[in-house]
Amino acid sequence: MQDADVLAVRDAIVQQAKHLLTEAGEFYPFGMVLKKDGLVVPVSAFEADEQPELETLVPLLENDIRTELASGKCLAGGIGVDVCLRFSADTPPTDALHIRLLRHDGQAVDYYMTYRLAEDRLICDPLFEDVGTFTLE
């Protein structure tokens, strides 16, 4: 799923997550969509004065993005979530950005980028696709 639409959303999510991690050291799940005019814009699943439970926010965001895709209002969308990965039972959890990308044709792919914060610096490892070699904590 390496087309330009998906890459534009993926890259925008990575940049936003890096900004939030640098500023706050963490972030709440967020969504973005690529509109037909080529702009990548944020998507919200709730009103500004609401604070949904974390467990319900990701499904809300995904549903809103799928609705926009089905209506033809956008070409691709994605969700960024701050997660912990465990690569094996013998290793400690690792902080990571999880990106779920959705396309208008119904295809989806998950990307992960592990990171660490060190002395006011964000160190990010390369993105990789979900290959089933780890568990979410």
Protein backbone atom coordinates (compact mmCIF):
# COMPACT_ATOMS: atom_id res chain seq x y z
CA MET A 1 0.00 0.00 0.00
CA GLN A 2 2.83 2.39 -0.89
CA ASP A 3 0.86 4.91 -2.97
CA ALA A 4 1.26 8.68 -2.69
CA ASP A 5 -2.09 9.19 -0.92
CA VAL A 6 -1.24 6.82 1.89
CA LEU A 7 2.33 8.08 2.20
CA ALA A 8 1.09 11.69 2.51
CA VAL A 9 -1.16 10.74 5.45
CA ARG A 10 1.50 8.51 7.03
CA ASP A 11 4.15 11.23 6.85
CA ALA A 12 1.79 13.86 8.28
CA ILE A 13 0.95 11.57 11.22
CA VAL A 14 4.64 10.92 11.87
CA GLN A 15 5.40 14.67 11.87
CA GLN A 16 2.48 15.47 14.20
CA ALA A 17 3.41 12.65 16.58
CA LYS A 18 7.05 13.80 16.65
CA HIS A 19 5.90 17.33 17.48
CA LEU A 20 3.61 16.12 20.29
CA LEU A 21 6.25 13.79 21.70
CA THR A 22 8.88 16.54 21.68
CA GLU A 23 6.50 18.99 23.38
CA ALA A 24 4.71 16.71 25.86
CA GLY A 25 6.45 13.33 25.84
CA GLU A 26 3.18 11.60 24.90
CA PHE A 27 -0.02 12.15 22.93
CA TYR A 28 -3.69 11.25 22.77
CA PRO A 29 -4.78 9.28 19.67
CA PHE A 30 -5.47 11.50 16.67
CA GLY A 31 -6.65 11.12 13.09
CA MET A 32 -5.87 12.76 9.75
CA VAL A 33 -7.35 12.51 6.27
CA LEU A 34 -6.20 13.43 2.78
CA LYS A 35 -8.91 15.52 1.12
CA LYS A 36 -9.47 15.37 -2.64
CA ASP A 37 -7.76 18.75 -3.02
CA GLY A 38 -4.51 17.27 -1.68
CA LEU A 39 -4.63 18.78 1.82
CA VAL A 40 -4.00 16.56 4.83
CA VAL A 41 -6.24 17.75 7.66
CA PRO A 42 -6.99 16.58 11.21
CA VAL A 43 -10.18 14.67 11.91
CA SER A 44 -11.97 14.71 15.25
CA ALA A 45 -14.29 12.04 16.61
CA PHE A 46 -15.67 14.19 19.43
CA GLU A 47 -16.50 17.76 20.40
CA ALA A 48 -13.77 19.91 21.95
CA ASP A 49 -15.46 19.90 25.36
CA GLU A 50 -15.80 16.09 25.42
CA GLN A 51 -13.12 13.68 26.59
CA PRO A 52 -13.98 10.14 25.48
CA GLU A 53 -12.36 7.15 27.11
CA LEU A 54 -9.13 6.11 25.40
CA GLU A 55 -10.55 2.65 24.60
CA THR A 56 -13.44 4.20 22.65
CA LEU A 57 -11.52 6.97 20.90
CA VAL A 58 -9.64 4.85 18.35
CA PRO A 59 -12.80 3.05 17.13
CA LEU A 60 -14.57 6.44 16.95
CA LEU A 61 -11.75 7.93 14.88
CA GLU A 62 -11.62 4.90 12.59
CA ASN A 63 -15.39 4.97 12.08
CA ASP A 64 -15.33 8.69 11.23
CA ILE A 65 -12.49 8.18 8.74
CA ARG A 66 -14.24 5.21 7.12
CA THR A 67 -17.41 7.30 6.81
CA GLU A 68 -15.48 10.11 5.08
CA LEU A 69 -13.80 7.58 2.76
CA ALA A 70 -17.14 5.96 1.87
CA SER A 71 -18.70 9.35 1.11
CA GLY A 72 -15.87 10.19 -1.28
CA LYS A 73 -14.81 13.26 0.71
CA CYS A 74 -11.27 11.99 1.14
CA LEU A 75 -8.77 9.64 -0.51
CA ALA A 76 -7.01 8.19 2.53
CA GLY A 77 -6.96 8.53 6.29
CA GLY A 78 -5.01 7.40 9.29
CA ILE A 79 -4.83 7.26 13.06
CA GLY A 80 -1.77 7.81 15.25
CA VAL A 81 -1.65 6.09 18.66
CA ASP A 82 1.08 6.11 21.33
CA VAL A 83 1.64 2.44 22.24
CA CYS A 84 4.14 0.07 23.85
CA LEU A 85 5.44 -2.97 21.95
CA ARG A 86 7.05 -6.10 23.33
CA PHE A 87 9.20 -7.91 20.76
CA SER A 88 9.59 -11.01 22.91
CA ALA A 89 8.75 -12.22 26.41
CA ASP A 90 12.37 -11.56 27.43
CA THR A 91 12.49 -7.90 26.42
CA PRO A 92 10.98 -4.86 28.13
CA PRO A 93 8.20 -2.90 26.43
CA THR A 94 9.30 -0.30 23.89
CA ASP A 95 7.48 2.99 23.22
CA ALA A 96 6.17 3.27 19.67
CA LEU A 97 3.92 5.23 17.35
CA HIS A 98 1.25 2.98 15.81
CA ILE A 99 -0.21 4.26 12.54
CA ARG A 100 -3.33 2.63 11.07
CA LEU A 101 -3.77 3.77 7.45
CA LEU A 102 -7.07 3.40 5.61
CA ARG A 103 -7.75 3.85 1.89
CA HIS A 104 -10.91 4.57 -0.07
CA ASP A 105 -10.80 1.04 -1.57
CA GLY A 106 -11.07 -0.54 1.89
CA GLN A 107 -7.43 -1.56 2.26
CA ALA A 108 -5.68 -0.93 5.58
CA VAL A 109 -2.12 -1.31 6.81
CA ASP A 110 -0.45 -0.78 10.18
CA TYR A 111 2.94 0.86 10.60
CA TYR A 112 5.04 1.22 13.74
CA MET A 113 7.90 3.51 14.67
CA THR A 114 9.71 2.86 17.92
CA TYR A 115 11.13 5.88 19.71
CA ARG A 116 12.82 7.01 22.89
CA LEU A 117 13.13 10.36 24.59
CA ALA A 118 16.63 11.21 25.75
CA GLU A 119 17.64 14.54 27.32
CA ASP A 120 14.99 16.63 25.55
CA ARG A 121 15.68 14.81 22.28
CA LEU A 122 13.41 12.47 20.39
CA ILE A 123 15.20 9.49 18.82
CA CYS A 124 13.08 7.64 16.24
CA ASP A 125 13.78 4.33 14.56
CA PRO A 126 12.69 3.65 10.96
CA LEU A 127 9.03 2.81 10.28
CA PHE A 128 8.13 -0.84 9.78
CA GLU A 129 4.94 -2.61 8.72
CA ASP A 130 3.06 -5.00 10.98
CA VAL A 131 4.61 -8.41 10.49
CA GLY A 132 3.19 -10.06 13.59
CA THR A 133 6.44 -10.34 15.53
CA PHE A 134 5.41 -8.44 18.65
CA THR A 135 2.50 -7.85 21.00
CA LEU A 136 0.86 -4.62 22.05
CA GLU A 137 1.12 -3.88 25.77
